[in-house]
PDB file of N, CA and C in Angstrom:
ATOM      1  N   MET A   1      -2.604  28.036 -51.756  1.00  0.00           N
ATOM      2  CA  MET A   1      -4.000  28.356 -51.550  1.00  0.00           C
ATOM      3  C   MET A   1      -4.858  27.312 -52.264  1.00  0.00           C
ATOM      4  N   ILE A   2      -5.878  26.844 -51.605  1.00  0.00           N
ATOM      5  CA  ILE A   2      -6.814  25.895 -52.198  1.00  0.00           C
ATOM      6  C   ILE A   2      -7.902  26.682 -52.915  1.00  0.00           C
ATOM      7  N   GLU A   3      -8.151  26.325 -54.166  1.00  0.00           N
ATOM      8  CA  GLU A   3      -9.189  26.991 -54.937  1.00  0.00           C
ATOM      9  C   GLU A   3     -10.472  26.168 -54.902  1.00  0.00           C
ATOM     10  N   LEU A   4     -11.586  26.828 -55.127  1.00  0.00           N
ATOM     11  CA  LEU A   4     -12.890  26.179 -55.179  1.00  0.00           C
ATOM     12  C   LEU A   4     -13.445  26.362 -56.589  1.00  0.00           C
ATOM     13  N   PRO A   5     -13.154  25.409 -57.492  1.00  0.00           N
ATOM     14  CA  PRO A   5     -13.635  25.552 -58.866  1.00  0.00           C
ATOM     15  C   PRO A   5     -15.152  25.400 -58.958  1.00  0.00           C
ATOM     16  N   LYS A   6     -15.730  26.044 -59.952  1.00  0.00           N
ATOM     17  CA  LYS A   6     -17.184  26.035 -60.137  1.00  0.00           C
ATOM     18  C   LYS A   6     -17.756  24.634 -60.208  1.00  0.00           C
ATOM     19  N   GLN A   7     -17.044  23.709 -60.823  1.00  0.00           N
ATOM     20  CA  GLN A   7     -17.578  22.364 -60.977  1.00  0.00           C
ATOM     21  C   GLN A   7     -17.676  21.597 -59.650  1.00  0.00           C
ATOM     22  N   LEU A   8     -17.104  22.145 -58.582  1.00  0.00           N
ATOM     23  CA  LEU A   8     -17.202  21.511 -57.267  1.00  0.00           C
ATOM     24  C   LEU A   8     -18.207  22.209 -56.354  1.00  0.00           C
ATOM     25  N   VAL A   9     -19.022  23.076 -56.930  1.00  0.00           N
ATOM     26  CA  VAL A   9     -20.075  23.760 -56.182  1.00  0.00           C
ATOM     27  C   VAL A   9     -21.397  23.499 -56.893  1.00  0.00           C
ATOM     28  N   LYS A  10     -22.359  22.975 -56.162  1.00  0.00           N
ATOM     29  CA  LYS A  10     -23.683  22.742 -56.737  1.00  0.00           C
ATOM     30  C   LYS A  10     -24.700  23.455 -55.848  1.00  0.00           C
ATOM     31  N   VAL A  11     -25.271  24.535 -56.364  1.00  0.00           N
ATOM     32  CA  VAL A  11     -26.264  25.327 -55.647  1.00  0.00           C
ATOM     33  C   VAL A  11     -27.651  24.885 -56.109  1.00  0.00           C
ATOM     34  N   GLY A  12     -28.567  24.767 -55.168  1.00  0.00           N
ATOM     35  CA  GLY A  12     -29.929  24.380 -55.512  1.00  0.00           C
ATOM     36  C   GLY A  12     -30.084  22.903 -55.790  1.00  0.00           C
ATOM     37  N   ALA A  13     -29.236  22.092 -55.189  1.00  0.00           N
ATOM     38  CA  ALA A  13     -29.311  20.641 -55.390  1.00  0.00           C
ATOM     39  C   ALA A  13     -30.539  20.066 -54.690  1.00  0.00           C
ATOM     40  N   GLN A  14     -30.963  18.918 -55.137  1.00  0.00           N
ATOM     41  CA  GLN A  14     -32.064  18.190 -54.513  1.00  0.00           C
ATOM     42  C   GLN A  14     -31.516  16.845 -54.054  1.00  0.00           C
ATOM     43  N   ALA A  15     -31.765  16.492 -52.806  1.00  0.00           N
ATOM     44  CA  ALA A  15     -31.317  15.198 -52.283  1.00  0.00           C
ATOM     45  C   ALA A  15     -32.478  14.542 -51.552  1.00  0.00           C
ATOM     46  N   ALA A  16     -32.686  13.287 -51.823  1.00  0.00           N
ATOM     47  CA  ALA A  16     -33.781  12.543 -51.189  1.00  0.00           C
ATOM     48  C   ALA A  16     -33.514  12.323 -49.701  1.00  0.00           C
ATOM     49  N   ASP A  17     -32.244  12.160 -49.342  1.00  0.00           N
ATOM     50  CA  ASP A  17     -31.874  11.894 -47.959  1.00  0.00           C
ATOM     51  C   ASP A  17     -30.373  12.122 -47.789  1.00  0.00           C
ATOM     52  N   LYS A  18     -29.877  11.818 -46.607  1.00  0.00           N
ATOM     53  CA  LYS A  18     -28.463  12.018 -46.298  1.00  0.00           C
ATOM     54  C   LYS A  18     -27.569  11.216 -47.247  1.00  0.00           C
ATOM     55  N   ALA A  19     -27.895   9.964 -47.482  1.00  0.00           N
ATOM     56  CA  ALA A  19     -27.083   9.117 -48.352  1.00  0.00           C
ATOM     57  C   ALA A  19     -27.005   9.690 -49.764  1.00  0.00           C
ATOM     58  N   ASP A  20     -28.108  10.214 -50.253  1.00  0.00           N
ATOM     59  CA  ASP A  20     -28.141  10.814 -51.583  1.00  0.00           C
ATOM     60  C   ASP A  20     -27.259  12.062 -51.624  1.00  0.00           C
ATOM     61  N   ALA A  21     -27.316  12.897 -50.597  1.00  0.00           N
ATOM     62  CA  ALA A  21     -26.481  14.103 -50.548  1.00  0.00           C
ATOM     63  C   ALA A  21     -25.003  13.732 -50.523  1.00  0.00           C
ATOM     64  N   ILE A  22     -24.656  12.726 -49.731  1.00  0.00           N
ATOM     65  CA  ILE A  22     -23.263  12.268 -49.671  1.00  0.00           C
ATOM     66  C   ILE A  22     -22.828  11.736 -51.035  1.00  0.00           C
ATOM     67  N   ALA A  23     -23.698  10.959 -51.676  1.00  0.00           N
ATOM     68  CA  ALA A  23     -23.370  10.419 -53.003  1.00  0.00           C
ATOM     69  C   ALA A  23     -23.151  11.543 -54.010  1.00  0.00           C
ATOM     70  N   GLN A  24     -23.944  12.604 -53.921  1.00  0.00           N
ATOM     71  CA  GLN A  24     -23.785  13.725 -54.851  1.00  0.00           C
ATOM     72  C   GLN A  24     -22.464  14.455 -54.641  1.00  0.00           C
ATOM     73  N   VAL A  25     -22.086  14.683 -53.380  1.00  0.00           N
ATOM     74  CA  VAL A  25     -20.802  15.336 -53.097  1.00  0.00           C
ATOM     75  C   VAL A  25     -19.664  14.447 -53.593  1.00  0.00           C
ATOM     76  N   ALA A  26     -19.754  13.160 -53.309  1.00  0.00           N
ATOM     77  CA  ALA A  26     -18.722  12.228 -53.758  1.00  0.00           C
ATOM     78  C   ALA A  26     -18.645  12.205 -55.284  1.00  0.00           C
ATOM     79  N   GLY A  27     -19.795  12.299 -55.949  1.00  0.00           N
ATOM     80  CA  GLY A  27     -19.822  12.330 -57.406  1.00  0.00           C
ATOM     81  C   GLY A  27     -19.123  13.558 -57.969  1.00  0.00           C
ATOM     82  N   LEU A  28     -19.343  14.712 -57.338  1.00  0.00           N
ATOM     83  CA  LEU A  28     -18.642  15.932 -57.767  1.00  0.00           C
ATOM     84  C   LEU A  28     -17.133  15.739 -57.652  1.00  0.00           C
ATOM     85  N   LEU A  29     -16.711  15.190 -56.534  1.00  0.00           N
ATOM     86  CA  LEU A  29     -15.286  14.995 -56.270  1.00  0.00           C
ATOM     87  C   LEU A  29     -14.669  13.998 -57.240  1.00  0.00           C
ATOM     88  N   ALA A  30     -15.366  12.889 -57.481  1.00  0.00           N
ATOM     89  CA  ALA A  30     -14.849  11.868 -58.393  1.00  0.00           C
ATOM     90  C   ALA A  30     -14.768  12.417 -59.821  1.00  0.00           C
ATOM     91  N   ALA A  31     -15.796  13.139 -60.256  1.00  0.00           N
ATOM     92  CA  ALA A  31     -15.806  13.701 -61.603  1.00  0.00           C
ATOM     93  C   ALA A  31     -14.666  14.699 -61.806  1.00  0.00           C
ATOM     94  N   ASN A  32     -14.267  15.372 -60.745  1.00  0.00           N
ATOM     95  CA  ASN A  32     -13.188  16.357 -60.828  1.00  0.00           C
ATOM     96  C   ASN A  32     -11.808  15.718 -60.618  1.00  0.00           C
ATOM     97  N   GLY A  33     -11.765  14.442 -60.269  1.00  0.00           N
ATOM     98  CA  GLY A  33     -10.491  13.767 -60.052  1.00  0.00           C
ATOM     99  C   GLY A  33      -9.933  13.896 -58.649  1.00  0.00           C
ATOM    100  N   ASN A  34     -10.704  14.449 -57.719  1.00  0.00           N
ATOM    101  CA  ASN A  34     -10.214  14.604 -56.346  1.00  0.00           C
ATOM    102  C   ASN A  34     -10.165  13.280 -55.590  1.00  0.00           C
ATOM    103  N   VAL A  35     -11.128  12.405 -55.867  1.00  0.00           N
ATOM    104  CA  VAL A  35     -11.193  11.124 -55.170  1.00  0.00           C
ATOM    105  C   VAL A  35     -11.487  10.002 -56.157  1.00  0.00           C
ATOM    106  N   ASP A  36     -11.135   8.810 -55.760  1.00  0.00           N
ATOM    107  CA  ASP A  36     -11.538   7.616 -56.489  1.00  0.00           C
ATOM    108  C   ASP A  36     -13.036   7.435 -56.259  1.00  0.00           C
ATOM    109  N   PRO A  37     -13.789   6.973 -57.243  1.00  0.00           N
ATOM    110  CA  PRO A  37     -15.225   6.782 -57.031  1.00  0.00           C
ATOM    111  C   PRO A  37     -15.569   5.901 -55.823  1.00  0.00           C
ATOM    112  N   ALA A  38     -14.688   5.006 -55.435  1.00  0.00           N
ATOM    113  CA  ALA A  38     -14.937   4.135 -54.284  1.00  0.00           C
ATOM    114  C   ALA A  38     -14.888   4.885 -52.947  1.00  0.00           C
ATOM    115  N   TYR A  39     -14.389   6.112 -52.947  1.00  0.00           N
ATOM    116  CA  TYR A  39     -14.276   6.886 -51.702  1.00  0.00           C
ATOM    117  C   TYR A  39     -15.627   7.084 -51.025  1.00  0.00           C
ATOM    118  N   VAL A  40     -16.714   7.100 -51.789  1.00  0.00           N
ATOM    119  CA  VAL A  40     -18.047   7.294 -51.215  1.00  0.00           C
ATOM    120  C   VAL A  40     -18.346   6.232 -50.154  1.00  0.00           C
ATOM    121  N   GLN A  41     -17.834   5.033 -50.331  1.00  0.00           N
ATOM    122  CA  GLN A  41     -18.068   3.978 -49.334  1.00  0.00           C
ATOM    123  C   GLN A  41     -17.430   4.347 -47.993  1.00  0.00           C
ATOM    124  N   GLY A  42     -16.280   4.995 -48.031  1.00  0.00           N
ATOM    125  CA  GLY A  42     -15.639   5.470 -46.805  1.00  0.00           C
ATOM    126  C   GLY A  42     -16.445   6.583 -46.153  1.00  0.00           C
ATOM    127  N   MET A  43     -17.106   7.411 -46.976  1.00  0.00           N
ATOM    128  CA  MET A  43     -17.952   8.478 -46.442  1.00  0.00           C
ATOM    129  C   MET A  43     -19.174   7.882 -45.739  1.00  0.00           C
ATOM    130  N   TYR A  44     -19.774   6.866 -46.361  1.00  0.00           N
ATOM    131  CA  TYR A  44     -20.909   6.187 -45.723  1.00  0.00           C
ATOM    132  C   TYR A  44     -20.467   5.515 -44.423  1.00  0.00           C
ATOM    133  N   ALA A  45     -19.300   4.896 -44.447  1.00  0.00           N
ATOM    134  CA  ALA A  45     -18.788   4.218 -43.245  1.00  0.00           C
ATOM    135  C   ALA A  45     -18.572   5.208 -42.105  1.00  0.00           C
ATOM    136  N   ARG A  46     -18.049   6.380 -42.422  1.00  0.00           N
ATOM    137  CA  ARG A  46     -17.824   7.409 -41.390  1.00  0.00           C
ATOM    138  C   ARG A  46     -19.136   7.807 -40.737  1.00  0.00           C
ATOM    139  N   GLU A  47     -20.190   7.930 -41.515  1.00  0.00           N
ATOM    140  CA  GLU A  47     -21.493   8.321 -40.956  1.00  0.00           C
ATOM    141  C   GLU A  47     -22.041   7.277 -39.988  1.00  0.00           C
ATOM    142  N   THR A  48     -21.645   6.015 -40.147  1.00  0.00           N
ATOM    143  CA  THR A  48     -22.088   4.991 -39.192  1.00  0.00           C
ATOM    144  C   THR A  48     -21.292   5.078 -37.892  1.00  0.00           C
ATOM    145  N   GLN A  49     -20.104   5.673 -37.949  1.00  0.00           N
ATOM    146  CA  GLN A  49     -19.249   5.814 -36.766  1.00  0.00           C
ATOM    147  C   GLN A  49     -19.599   7.063 -35.965  1.00  0.00           C
ATOM    148  N   ALA A  50     -19.855   8.143 -36.677  1.00  0.00           N
ATOM    149  CA  ALA A  50     -20.163   9.424 -36.037  1.00  0.00           C
ATOM    150  C   ALA A  50     -20.856  10.320 -37.046  1.00  0.00           C
ATOM    151  N   ASN A  51     -21.851  11.048 -36.587  1.00  0.00           N
ATOM    152  CA  ASN A  51     -22.572  11.973 -37.454  1.00  0.00           C
ATOM    153  C   ASN A  51     -21.669  13.165 -37.756  1.00  0.00           C
ATOM    154  N   THR A  52     -21.567  13.554 -39.007  1.00  0.00           N
ATOM    155  CA  THR A  52     -20.697  14.662 -39.398  1.00  0.00           C
ATOM    156  C   THR A  52     -21.451  15.986 -39.501  1.00  0.00           C
ATOM    157  N   TYR A  53     -22.650  16.033 -38.934  1.00  0.00           N
ATOM    158  CA  TYR A  53     -23.423  17.272 -38.892  1.00  0.00           C
ATOM    159  C   TYR A  53     -22.818  18.196 -37.843  1.00  0.00           C
ATOM    160  N   LEU A  54     -22.519  19.451 -38.224  1.00  0.00           N
ATOM    161  CA  LEU A  54     -21.905  20.416 -37.303  1.00  0.00           C
ATOM    162  C   LEU A  54     -22.913  21.276 -36.570  1.00  0.00           C
ATOM    163  N   GLY A  55     -24.092  21.471 -37.163  1.00  0.00           N
ATOM    164  CA  GLY A  55     -25.078  22.409 -36.633  1.00  0.00           C
ATOM    165  C   GLY A  55     -25.274  23.544 -37.623  1.00  0.00           C
ATOM    166  N   ASN A  56     -26.283  24.359 -37.380  1.00  0.00           N
ATOM    167  CA  ASN A  56     -26.589  25.498 -38.248  1.00  0.00           C
ATOM    168  C   ASN A  56     -26.736  25.103 -39.717  1.00  0.00           C
ATOM    169  N   GLY A  57     -27.227  23.886 -39.961  1.00  0.00           N
ATOM    170  CA  GLY A  57     -27.485  23.452 -41.322  1.00  0.00           C
ATOM    171  C   GLY A  57     -26.278  22.988 -42.105  1.00  0.00           C
ATOM    172  N   ILE A  58     -25.133  22.806 -41.454  1.00  0.00           N
ATOM    173  CA  ILE A  58     -23.902  22.438 -42.157  1.00  0.00           C
ATOM    174  C   ILE A  58     -23.449  21.037 -41.750  1.00  0.00           C
ATOM    175  N   ALA A  59     -23.121  20.229 -42.751  1.00  0.00           N
ATOM    176  CA  ALA A  59     -22.556  18.896 -42.534  1.00  0.00           C
ATOM    177  C   ALA A  59     -21.242  18.800 -43.304  1.00  0.00           C
ATOM    178  N   ILE A  60     -20.295  18.054 -42.744  1.00  0.00           N
ATOM    179  CA  ILE A  60     -18.995  17.880 -43.398  1.00  0.00           C
ATOM    180  C   ILE A  60     -18.672  16.388 -43.536  1.00  0.00           C
ATOM    181  N   PRO A  61     -19.427  15.674 -44.363  1.00  0.00           N
ATOM    182  CA  PRO A  61     -19.135  14.250 -44.519  1.00  0.00           C
ATOM    183  C   PRO A  61     -17.739  14.031 -45.105  1.00  0.00           C
ATOM    184  N   HIS A  62     -17.085  13.028 -44.616  1.00  0.00           N
ATOM    185  CA  HIS A  62     -15.748  12.684 -45.093  1.00  0.00           C
ATOM    186  C   HIS A  62     -15.526  11.200 -44.841  1.00  0.00           C
ATOM    187  N   GLY A  63     -14.476  10.667 -45.389  1.00  0.00           N
ATOM    188  CA  GLY A  63     -14.211   9.243 -45.270  1.00  0.00           C
ATOM    189  C   GLY A  63     -13.519   8.855 -43.986  1.00  0.00           C
ATOM    190  N   THR A  64     -13.284   7.581 -43.867  1.00  0.00           N
ATOM    191  CA  THR A  64     -12.575   7.012 -42.728  1.00  0.00           C
ATOM    192  C   THR A  64     -11.069   7.063 -42.997  1.00  0.00           C
ATOM    193  N   PRO A  65     -10.266   6.874 -41.953  1.00  0.00           N
ATOM    194  CA  PRO A  65      -8.818   6.797 -42.198  1.00  0.00           C
ATOM    195  C   PRO A  65      -8.459   5.686 -43.202  1.00  0.00           C
ATOM    196  N   GLU A  66      -9.234   4.620 -43.187  1.00  0.00           N
ATOM    197  CA  GLU A  66      -8.970   3.503 -44.099  1.00  0.00           C
ATOM    198  C   GLU A  66      -9.248   3.858 -45.563  1.00  0.00           C
ATOM    199  N   SER A  67     -10.069   4.878 -45.802  1.00  0.00           N
ATOM    200  CA  SER A  67     -10.376   5.267 -47.181  1.00  0.00           C
ATOM    201  C   SER A  67      -9.539   6.454 -47.651  1.00  0.00           C
ATOM    202  N   ARG A  68      -8.687   6.963 -46.795  1.00  0.00           N
ATOM    203  CA  ARG A  68      -7.919   8.160 -47.132  1.00  0.00           C
ATOM    204  C   ARG A  68      -7.025   7.972 -48.358  1.00  0.00           C
ATOM    205  N   HIS A  69      -6.562   6.761 -48.578  1.00  0.00           N
ATOM    206  CA  HIS A  69      -5.704   6.509 -49.746  1.00  0.00           C
ATOM    207  C   HIS A  69      -6.454   6.726 -51.068  1.00  0.00           C
ATOM    208  N   LEU A  70      -7.784   6.832 -51.004  1.00  0.00           N
ATOM    209  CA  LEU A  70      -8.589   7.050 -52.205  1.00  0.00           C
ATOM    210  C   LEU A  70      -8.729   8.536 -52.559  1.00  0.00           C
ATOM    211  N   ILE A  71      -8.183   9.416 -51.708  1.00  0.00           N
ATOM    212  CA  ILE A  71      -8.158  10.845 -52.024  1.00  0.00           C
ATOM    213  C   ILE A  71      -6.962  11.081 -52.939  1.00  0.00           C
ATOM    214  N   ARG A  72      -7.212  11.589 -54.128  1.00  0.00           N
ATOM    215  CA  ARG A  72      -6.156  11.786 -55.126  1.00  0.00           C
ATOM    216  C   ARG A  72      -5.511  13.160 -55.040  1.00  0.00           C
ATOM    217  N   GLN A  73      -6.329  14.174 -54.700  1.00  0.00           N
ATOM    218  CA  GLN A  73      -5.783  15.532 -54.611  1.00  0.00           C
ATOM    219  C   GLN A  73      -6.612  16.354 -53.632  1.00  0.00           C
ATOM    220  N   THR A  74      -5.948  17.302 -53.017  1.00  0.00           N
ATOM    221  CA  THR A  74      -6.587  18.201 -52.071  1.00  0.00           C
ATOM    222  C   THR A  74      -7.704  18.969 -52.759  1.00  0.00           C
ATOM    223  N   GLY A  75      -8.803  19.185 -52.052  1.00  0.00           N
ATOM    224  CA  GLY A  75      -9.889  19.943 -52.640  1.00  0.00           C
ATOM    225  C   GLY A  75     -11.010  20.221 -51.674  1.00  0.00           C
ATOM    226  N   ILE A  76     -11.955  20.998 -52.143  1.00  0.00           N
ATOM    227  CA  ILE A  76     -13.156  21.362 -51.396  1.00  0.00           C
ATOM    228  C   ILE A  76     -14.329  21.227 -52.353  1.00  0.00           C
ATOM    229  N   ALA A  77     -15.437  20.681 -51.866  1.00  0.00           N
ATOM    230  CA  ALA A  77     -16.668  20.602 -52.658  1.00  0.00           C
ATOM    231  C   ALA A  77     -17.827  21.044 -51.783  1.00  0.00           C
ATOM    232  N   VAL A  78     -18.810  21.710 -52.395  1.00  0.00           N
ATOM    233  CA  VAL A  78     -19.966  22.212 -51.664  1.00  0.00           C
ATOM    234  C   VAL A  78     -21.243  21.824 -52.399  1.00  0.00           C
ATOM    235  N   LEU A  79     -22.193  21.294 -51.647  1.00  0.00           N
ATOM    236  CA  LEU A  79     -23.523  20.975 -52.166  1.00  0.00           C
ATOM    237  C   LEU A  79     -24.513  21.759 -51.317  1.00  0.00           C
ATOM    238  N   GLN A  80     -25.256  22.678 -51.946  1.00  0.00           N
ATOM    239  CA  GLN A  80     -26.230  23.491 -51.216  1.00  0.00           C
ATOM    240  C   GLN A  80     -27.625  22.992 -51.555  1.00  0.00           C
ATOM    241  N   LEU A  81     -28.405  22.740 -50.513  1.00  0.00           N
ATOM    242  CA  LEU A  81     -29.766  22.240 -50.671  1.00  0.00           C
ATOM    243  C   LEU A  81     -30.743  23.342 -50.271  1.00  0.00           C
ATOM    244  N   PRO A  82     -31.591  23.818 -51.192  1.00  0.00           N
ATOM    245  CA  PRO A  82     -32.524  24.886 -50.848  1.00  0.00           C
ATOM    246  C   PRO A  82     -33.601  24.430 -49.865  1.00  0.00           C
ATOM    247  N   GLN A  83     -33.933  23.155 -49.901  1.00  0.00           N
ATOM    248  CA  GLN A  83     -34.916  22.615 -48.964  1.00  0.00           C
ATOM    249  C   GLN A  83     -34.189  21.610 -48.097  1.00  0.00           C
ATOM    250  N   ALA A  84     -34.126  21.897 -46.826  1.00  0.00           N
ATOM    251  CA  ALA A  84     -33.401  21.024 -45.905  1.00  0.00           C
ATOM    252  C   ALA A  84     -34.024  19.639 -45.876  1.00  0.00           C
ATOM    253  N   TRP A  85     -33.219  18.644 -45.707  1.00  0.00           N
ATOM    254  CA  TRP A  85     -33.703  17.279 -45.554  1.00  0.00           C
ATOM    255  C   TRP A  85     -33.368  16.794 -44.156  1.00  0.00           C
ATOM    256  N   SER A  86     -34.135  15.903 -43.686  1.00  0.00           N
ATOM    257  CA  SER A  86     -33.868  15.303 -42.385  1.00  0.00           C
ATOM    258  C   SER A  86     -34.565  13.959 -42.346  1.00  0.00           C
ATOM    259  N   GLY A  87     -34.256  13.191 -41.355  1.00  0.00           N
ATOM    260  CA  GLY A  87     -34.870  11.883 -41.183  1.00  0.00           C
ATOM    261  C   GLY A  87     -34.803  11.488 -39.732  1.00  0.00           C
ATOM    262  N   ALA A  88     -35.212  10.309 -39.453  1.00  0.00           N
ATOM    263  CA  ALA A  88     -35.177   9.830 -38.074  1.00  0.00           C
ATOM    264  C   ALA A  88     -33.751   9.922 -37.540  1.00  0.00           C
ATOM    265  N   ARG A  89     -33.596  10.600 -36.423  1.00  0.00           N
ATOM    266  CA  ARG A  89     -32.301  10.775 -35.758  1.00  0.00           C
ATOM    267  C   ARG A  89     -31.252  11.441 -36.657  1.00  0.00           C
ATOM    268  N   THR A  90     -31.677  12.161 -37.680  1.00  0.00           N
ATOM    269  CA  THR A  90     -30.760  12.848 -38.577  1.00  0.00           C
ATOM    270  C   THR A  90     -31.017  14.349 -38.502  1.00  0.00           C
ATOM    271  N   PRO A  91     -30.014  15.139 -38.088  1.00  0.00           N
ATOM    272  CA  PRO A  91     -30.214  16.590 -38.068  1.00  0.00           C
ATOM    273  C   PRO A  91     -30.457  17.137 -39.472  1.00  0.00           C
ATOM    274  N   THR A  92     -31.093  18.272 -39.540  1.00  0.00           N
ATOM    275  CA  THR A  92     -31.380  18.927 -40.810  1.00  0.00           C
ATOM    276  C   THR A  92     -30.105  19.570 -41.358  1.00  0.00           C
ATOM    277  N   ALA A  93     -29.800  19.306 -42.624  1.00  0.00           N
ATOM    278  CA  ALA A  93     -28.622  19.905 -43.261  1.00  0.00           C
ATOM    279  C   ALA A  93     -29.041  20.591 -44.552  1.00  0.00           C
ATOM    280  N   ARG A  94     -28.465  21.765 -44.788  1.00  0.00           N
ATOM    281  CA  ARG A  94     -28.742  22.513 -46.016  1.00  0.00           C
ATOM    282  C   ARG A  94     -27.466  22.736 -46.825  1.00  0.00           C
ATOM    283  N   CYS A  95     -26.316  22.615 -46.204  1.00  0.00           N
ATOM    284  CA  CYS A  95     -25.044  22.813 -46.888  1.00  0.00           C
ATOM    285  C   CYS A  95     -24.129  21.641 -46.539  1.00  0.00           C
ATOM    286  N   ILE A  96     -23.710  20.909 -47.559  1.00  0.00           N
ATOM    287  CA  ILE A  96     -22.833  19.761 -47.379  1.00  0.00           C
ATOM    288  C   ILE A  96     -21.471  20.163 -47.927  1.00  0.00           C
ATOM    289  N   TRP A  97     -20.459  20.112 -47.086  1.00  0.00           N
ATOM    290  CA  TRP A  97     -19.140  20.598 -47.459  1.00  0.00           C
ATOM    291  C   TRP A  97     -18.128  19.502 -47.226  1.00  0.00           C
ATOM    292  N   TRP A  98     -17.253  19.252 -48.192  1.00  0.00           N
ATOM    293  CA  TRP A  98     -16.194  18.265 -48.056  1.00  0.00           C
ATOM    294  C   TRP A  98     -14.870  18.929 -48.329  1.00  0.00           C
ATOM    295  N   SER A  99     -13.891  18.637 -47.512  1.00  0.00           N
ATOM    296  CA  SER A  99     -12.519  19.027 -47.811  1.00  0.00           C
ATOM    297  C   SER A  99     -11.654  17.836 -47.455  1.00  0.00           C
ATOM    298  N   GLY A 100     -10.653  17.589 -48.234  1.00  0.00           N
ATOM    299  CA  GLY A 100      -9.817  16.431 -47.970  1.00  0.00           C
ATOM    300  C   GLY A 100      -8.404  16.645 -48.441  1.00  0.00           C
ATOM    301  N   LEU A 101      -7.524  15.915 -47.799  1.00  0.00           N
ATOM    302  CA  LEU A 101      -6.111  15.960 -48.133  1.00  0.00           C
ATOM    303  C   LEU A 101      -5.636  14.545 -48.413  1.00  0.00           C
ATOM    304  N   PRO A 102      -4.883  14.349 -49.490  1.00  0.00           N
ATOM    305  CA  PRO A 102      -4.355  13.021 -49.757  1.00  0.00           C
ATOM    306  C   PRO A 102      -3.333  12.635 -48.689  1.00  0.00           C
ATOM    307  N   PRO A 103      -3.071  11.346 -48.521  1.00  0.00           N
ATOM    308  CA  PRO A 103      -2.143  10.906 -47.468  1.00  0.00           C
ATOM    309  C   PRO A 103      -0.769  11.548 -47.544  1.00  0.00           C
ATOM    310  N   ARG A 104      -0.317  11.911 -48.730  1.00  0.00           N
ATOM    311  CA  ARG A 104       1.015  12.481 -48.892  1.00  0.00           C
ATOM    312  C   ARG A 104       1.068  14.001 -48.700  1.00  0.00           C
ATOM    313  N   ALA A 105      -0.023  14.610 -48.283  1.00  0.00           N
ATOM    314  CA  ALA A 105      -0.063  16.067 -48.089  1.00  0.00           C
ATOM    315  C   ALA A 105       0.956  16.487 -47.037  1.00  0.00           C
ATOM    316  N   THR A 106       1.553  17.642 -47.262  1.00  0.00           N
ATOM    317  CA  THR A 106       2.545  18.137 -46.316  1.00  0.00           C
ATOM    318  C   THR A 106       1.859  18.734 -45.087  1.00  0.00           C
ATOM    319  N   ASN A 107       2.606  18.889 -44.017  1.00  0.00           N
ATOM    320  CA  ASN A 107       2.065  19.509 -42.802  1.00  0.00           C
ATOM    321  C   ASN A 107       1.599  20.926 -43.080  1.00  0.00           C
ATOM    322  N   THR A 108       2.293  21.654 -43.959  1.00  0.00           N
ATOM    323  CA  THR A 108       1.878  23.017 -44.316  1.00  0.00           C
ATOM    324  C   THR A 108       0.498  22.984 -44.950  1.00  0.00           C
ATOM    325  N   CYS A 109       0.297  22.049 -45.864  1.00  0.00           N
ATOM    326  CA  CYS A 109      -0.988  21.932 -46.528  1.00  0.00           C
ATOM    327  C   CYS A 109      -2.059  21.569 -45.522  1.00  0.00           C
ATOM    328  N   LYS A 110      -1.757  20.697 -44.584  1.00  0.00           N
ATOM    329  CA  LYS A 110      -2.727  20.294 -43.569  1.00  0.00           C
ATOM    330  C   LYS A 110      -3.120  21.473 -42.691  1.00  0.00           C
ATOM    331  N   SER A 111      -2.174  22.341 -42.355  1.00  0.00           N
ATOM    332  CA  SER A 111      -2.498  23.474 -41.501  1.00  0.00           C
ATOM    333  C   SER A 111      -3.369  24.482 -42.253  1.00  0.00           C
ATOM    334  N   CYS A 112      -3.243  24.573 -43.571  1.00  0.00           N
ATOM    335  CA  CYS A 112      -4.073  25.484 -44.358  1.00  0.00           C
ATOM    336  C   CYS A 112      -5.543  25.032 -44.347  1.00  0.00           C
ATOM    337  N   ALA A 113      -5.749  23.728 -44.363  1.00  0.00           N
ATOM    338  CA  ALA A 113      -7.115  23.200 -44.422  1.00  0.00           C
ATOM    339  C   ALA A 113      -7.790  23.197 -43.052  1.00  0.00           C
ATOM    340  N   ALA A 114      -7.024  23.273 -42.018  1.00  0.00           N
ATOM    341  CA  ALA A 114      -7.598  23.187 -40.663  1.00  0.00           C
ATOM    342  C   ALA A 114      -8.397  24.390 -40.286  1.00  0.00           C
TER     343      ALA A 114
END
């Protein structure tokens, strides 16, 4: 079972824009040891390839396959924004959620996260 420790949940966060929200989620993950600090660059790269906004105020930014080696351990992080942010061609997001599996994760672990 994957746990969601308190230090990976930030309620009432403030983000200037999408990049700031992604940086904050990446910062939570790096501080907890889930990812290498450089993983944020893979998250930014993914957003240039495809928008990770799901709808209903939820976004799931994550890295590219090329940055997956920077994931150190399986985890989940949540950033909740009380005031939605948006920008040109950017959907409004209020909850930013990340989950990731390191490259060596087993198929069982992958099916749990799906």
